[in-house]
């Protein structure tokens, strides 16, 4: 079993777990490794480093999640590179400036945007 944190609301029926009911964004739940992989693939959860759920409105130490907002720096260029969520941006292993349309200034703005608490 592995602990995961919900990135958005979803029903436990997504993984045939009626006992979970509705899982709310920020909830930490325990699921099998296979279920965790399935939910991560669909960007419904991320692995939880700890068991404590994030408090509503408290972004201290919490990673940003979900889709990149419309006003996110370089959003169009990131979308063209199939990066549309914070999770995909964190998984990007190359230099941001290697993405067409992102120069050093925009790369710096992106780094600042993902390091600042909301």
C-alpha atoms as a PDB file:
ATOM      1  CA  UNK A   1       0.000   0.000   0.000  1.00  0.00           C
ATOM      2  CA  UNK A   2       1.111   3.533  -0.736  1.00  0.00           C
ATOM      3  CA  UNK A   3      -0.105   6.949   0.430  1.00  0.00           C
ATOM      4  CA  UNK A   4      -1.174   9.442  -2.231  1.00  0.00           C
ATOM      5  CA  UNK A   5      -2.563  12.975  -2.082  1.00  0.00           C
ATOM      6  CA  UNK A   6      -5.547  13.874  -4.274  1.00  0.00           C
ATOM      7  CA  UNK A   7      -4.902  16.652  -6.805  1.00  0.00           C
ATOM      8  CA  UNK A   8      -8.634  17.071  -7.450  1.00  0.00           C
ATOM      9  CA  UNK A   9     -11.942  15.657  -6.265  1.00  0.00           C
ATOM     10  CA  UNK A  10     -12.841  12.187  -7.563  1.00  0.00           C
ATOM     11  CA  UNK A  11     -14.947   9.208  -6.588  1.00  0.00           C
ATOM     12  CA  UNK A  12     -13.480   5.998  -5.203  1.00  0.00           C
ATOM     13  CA  UNK A  13     -15.354   4.140  -7.915  1.00  0.00           C
ATOM     14  CA  UNK A  14     -12.602   5.278 -10.319  1.00  0.00           C
ATOM     15  CA  UNK A  15     -10.514   2.461  -8.837  1.00  0.00           C
ATOM     16  CA  UNK A  16     -13.412   0.220  -7.793  1.00  0.00           C
ATOM     17  CA  UNK A  17     -13.141   1.333  -4.161  1.00  0.00           C
ATOM     18  CA  UNK A  18     -16.680   2.235  -3.113  1.00  0.00           C
ATOM     19  CA  UNK A  19     -15.433   2.356   0.483  1.00  0.00           C
ATOM     20  CA  UNK A  20     -13.483   5.545  -0.308  1.00  0.00           C
ATOM     21  CA  UNK A  21     -16.571   7.543  -1.245  1.00  0.00           C
ATOM     22  CA  UNK A  22     -15.654  10.968  -2.618  1.00  0.00           C
ATOM     23  CA  UNK A  23     -11.983  11.871  -2.323  1.00  0.00           C
ATOM     24  CA  UNK A  24     -11.433  15.624  -1.999  1.00  0.00           C
ATOM     25  CA  UNK A  25      -8.475  17.631  -3.275  1.00  0.00           C
ATOM     26  CA  UNK A  26      -5.739  17.504  -0.621  1.00  0.00           C
ATOM     27  CA  UNK A  27      -6.995  14.277   0.991  1.00  0.00           C
ATOM     28  CA  UNK A  28      -4.351  11.644   1.692  1.00  0.00           C
ATOM     29  CA  UNK A  29      -5.521   8.093   1.020  1.00  0.00           C
ATOM     30  CA  UNK A  30      -3.868   4.702   1.038  1.00  0.00           C
ATOM     31  CA  UNK A  31      -4.147   2.617  -2.129  1.00  0.00           C
ATOM     32  CA  UNK A  32      -2.391  -0.313  -3.759  1.00  0.00           C
ATOM     33  CA  UNK A  33       0.703   0.303  -5.868  1.00  0.00           C
ATOM     34  CA  UNK A  34      -1.301  -0.531  -9.034  1.00  0.00           C
ATOM     35  CA  UNK A  35      -4.085   1.899  -8.112  1.00  0.00           C
ATOM     36  CA  UNK A  36      -1.515   4.597  -7.309  1.00  0.00           C
ATOM     37  CA  UNK A  37       0.101   4.158 -10.731  1.00  0.00           C
ATOM     38  CA  UNK A  38      -3.308   4.359 -12.449  1.00  0.00           C
ATOM     39  CA  UNK A  39      -4.352   7.471 -10.520  1.00  0.00           C
ATOM     40  CA  UNK A  40      -0.970   9.151 -11.111  1.00  0.00           C
ATOM     41  CA  UNK A  41      -1.178   8.446 -14.834  1.00  0.00           C
ATOM     42  CA  UNK A  42      -4.522  10.239 -14.956  1.00  0.00           C
ATOM     43  CA  UNK A  43      -3.069  13.045 -12.781  1.00  0.00           C
ATOM     44  CA  UNK A  44      -5.658  12.543 -10.050  1.00  0.00           C
ATOM     45  CA  UNK A  45      -3.059  12.023  -7.287  1.00  0.00           C
ATOM     46  CA  UNK A  46       0.599  12.426  -6.418  1.00  0.00           C
ATOM     47  CA  UNK A  47       2.637  10.364  -4.003  1.00  0.00           C
ATOM     48  CA  UNK A  48       2.350  11.792  -0.504  1.00  0.00           C
ATOM     49  CA  UNK A  49       5.670  12.420   1.211  1.00  0.00           C
ATOM     50  CA  UNK A  50       3.824  12.428   4.519  1.00  0.00           C
ATOM     51  CA  UNK A  51       0.442  11.389   5.839  1.00  0.00           C
ATOM     52  CA  UNK A  52      -0.751  14.873   6.752  1.00  0.00           C
ATOM     53  CA  UNK A  53      -3.341  16.325   4.387  1.00  0.00           C
ATOM     54  CA  UNK A  54      -2.697  19.861   3.158  1.00  0.00           C
ATOM     55  CA  UNK A  55      -4.743  22.439   5.026  1.00  0.00           C
ATOM     56  CA  UNK A  56      -7.099  24.491   2.874  1.00  0.00           C
ATOM     57  CA  UNK A  57      -5.357  27.669   1.793  1.00  0.00           C
ATOM     58  CA  UNK A  58      -2.007  26.564   3.261  1.00  0.00           C
ATOM     59  CA  UNK A  59       0.551  26.239   0.478  1.00  0.00           C
ATOM     60  CA  UNK A  60       3.635  26.299   2.734  1.00  0.00           C
ATOM     61  CA  UNK A  61       5.735  23.354   1.675  1.00  0.00           C
ATOM     62  CA  UNK A  62       2.997  22.085  -0.635  1.00  0.00           C
ATOM     63  CA  UNK A  63       3.551  21.705  -4.335  1.00  0.00           C
ATOM     64  CA  UNK A  64       1.264  23.467  -6.755  1.00  0.00           C
ATOM     65  CA  UNK A  65      -0.988  21.043  -8.580  1.00  0.00           C
ATOM     66  CA  UNK A  66      -3.479  20.814 -11.401  1.00  0.00           C
ATOM     67  CA  UNK A  67      -3.506  22.592 -14.719  1.00  0.00           C
ATOM     68  CA  UNK A  68      -1.280  25.590 -15.367  1.00  0.00           C
ATOM     69  CA  UNK A  69      -3.351  28.787 -15.116  1.00  0.00           C
ATOM     70  CA  UNK A  70      -4.097  30.867 -18.213  1.00  0.00           C
ATOM     71  CA  UNK A  71      -1.696  33.610 -17.067  1.00  0.00           C
ATOM     72  CA  UNK A  72       1.194  31.228 -16.290  1.00  0.00           C
ATOM     73  CA  UNK A  73       4.506  32.433 -17.809  1.00  0.00           C
ATOM     74  CA  UNK A  74       5.204  30.747 -21.149  1.00  0.00           C
ATOM     75  CA  UNK A  75       1.981  28.735 -20.946  1.00  0.00           C
ATOM     76  CA  UNK A  76       1.439  28.601 -24.723  1.00  0.00           C
ATOM     77  CA  UNK A  77       4.992  27.400 -25.364  1.00  0.00           C
ATOM     78  CA  UNK A  78       4.706  24.844 -22.570  1.00  0.00           C
ATOM     79  CA  UNK A  79       1.368  23.609 -23.959  1.00  0.00           C
ATOM     80  CA  UNK A  80       2.941  23.247 -27.410  1.00  0.00           C
ATOM     81  CA  UNK A  81       5.503  20.983 -25.722  1.00  0.00           C
ATOM     82  CA  UNK A  82       2.660  18.965 -24.114  1.00  0.00           C
ATOM     83  CA  UNK A  83       3.259  20.458 -20.661  1.00  0.00           C
ATOM     84  CA  UNK A  84      -0.110  21.620 -19.353  1.00  0.00           C
ATOM     85  CA  UNK A  85       0.022  20.725 -15.635  1.00  0.00           C
ATOM     86  CA  UNK A  86       2.288  21.444 -12.691  1.00  0.00           C
ATOM     87  CA  UNK A  87       3.037  17.700 -12.428  1.00  0.00           C
ATOM     88  CA  UNK A  88       4.212  17.570 -16.058  1.00  0.00           C
ATOM     89  CA  UNK A  89       6.319  20.691 -15.517  1.00  0.00           C
ATOM     90  CA  UNK A  90       7.990  19.129 -12.451  1.00  0.00           C
ATOM     91  CA  UNK A  91       8.697  15.957 -14.456  1.00  0.00           C
ATOM     92  CA  UNK A  92      10.310  17.917 -17.318  1.00  0.00           C
ATOM     93  CA  UNK A  93      13.976  16.948 -17.207  1.00  0.00           C
ATOM     94  CA  UNK A  94      15.420  19.223 -19.895  1.00  0.00           C
ATOM     95  CA  UNK A  95      16.270  22.887 -19.777  1.00  0.00           C
ATOM     96  CA  UNK A  96      13.224  25.126 -20.035  1.00  0.00           C
ATOM     97  CA  UNK A  97      15.054  27.215 -22.639  1.00  0.00           C
ATOM     98  CA  UNK A  98      15.185  24.125 -24.887  1.00  0.00           C
ATOM     99  CA  UNK A  99      11.418  24.531 -25.372  1.00  0.00           C
ATOM    100  CA  UNK A 100      10.618  26.635 -28.427  1.00  0.00           C
ATOM    101  CA  UNK A 101       9.344  30.049 -27.354  1.00  0.00           C
ATOM    102  CA  UNK A 102      10.923  30.056 -23.893  1.00  0.00           C
ATOM    103  CA  UNK A 103      13.944  32.248 -23.398  1.00  0.00           C
ATOM    104  CA  UNK A 104      16.037  32.871 -20.288  1.00  0.00           C
ATOM    105  CA  UNK A 105      13.705  35.562 -18.895  1.00  0.00           C
ATOM    106  CA  UNK A 106      10.580  33.397 -19.269  1.00  0.00           C
ATOM    107  CA  UNK A 107      12.414  30.369 -17.854  1.00  0.00           C
ATOM    108  CA  UNK A 108      13.263  32.441 -14.778  1.00  0.00           C
ATOM    109  CA  UNK A 109       9.627  33.557 -14.437  1.00  0.00           C
ATOM    110  CA  UNK A 110       8.500  29.922 -14.653  1.00  0.00           C
ATOM    111  CA  UNK A 111      10.978  28.866 -11.953  1.00  0.00           C
ATOM    112  CA  UNK A 112       9.792  31.736  -9.749  1.00  0.00           C
ATOM    113  CA  UNK A 113       6.124  30.832 -10.352  1.00  0.00           C
ATOM    114  CA  UNK A 114       6.558  27.206  -9.276  1.00  0.00           C
ATOM    115  CA  UNK A 115       8.700  28.031  -6.257  1.00  0.00           C
ATOM    116  CA  UNK A 116       6.368  30.682  -4.769  1.00  0.00           C
ATOM    117  CA  UNK A 117       3.587  29.628  -2.437  1.00  0.00           C
ATOM    118  CA  UNK A 118       0.140  30.556  -3.759  1.00  0.00           C
END
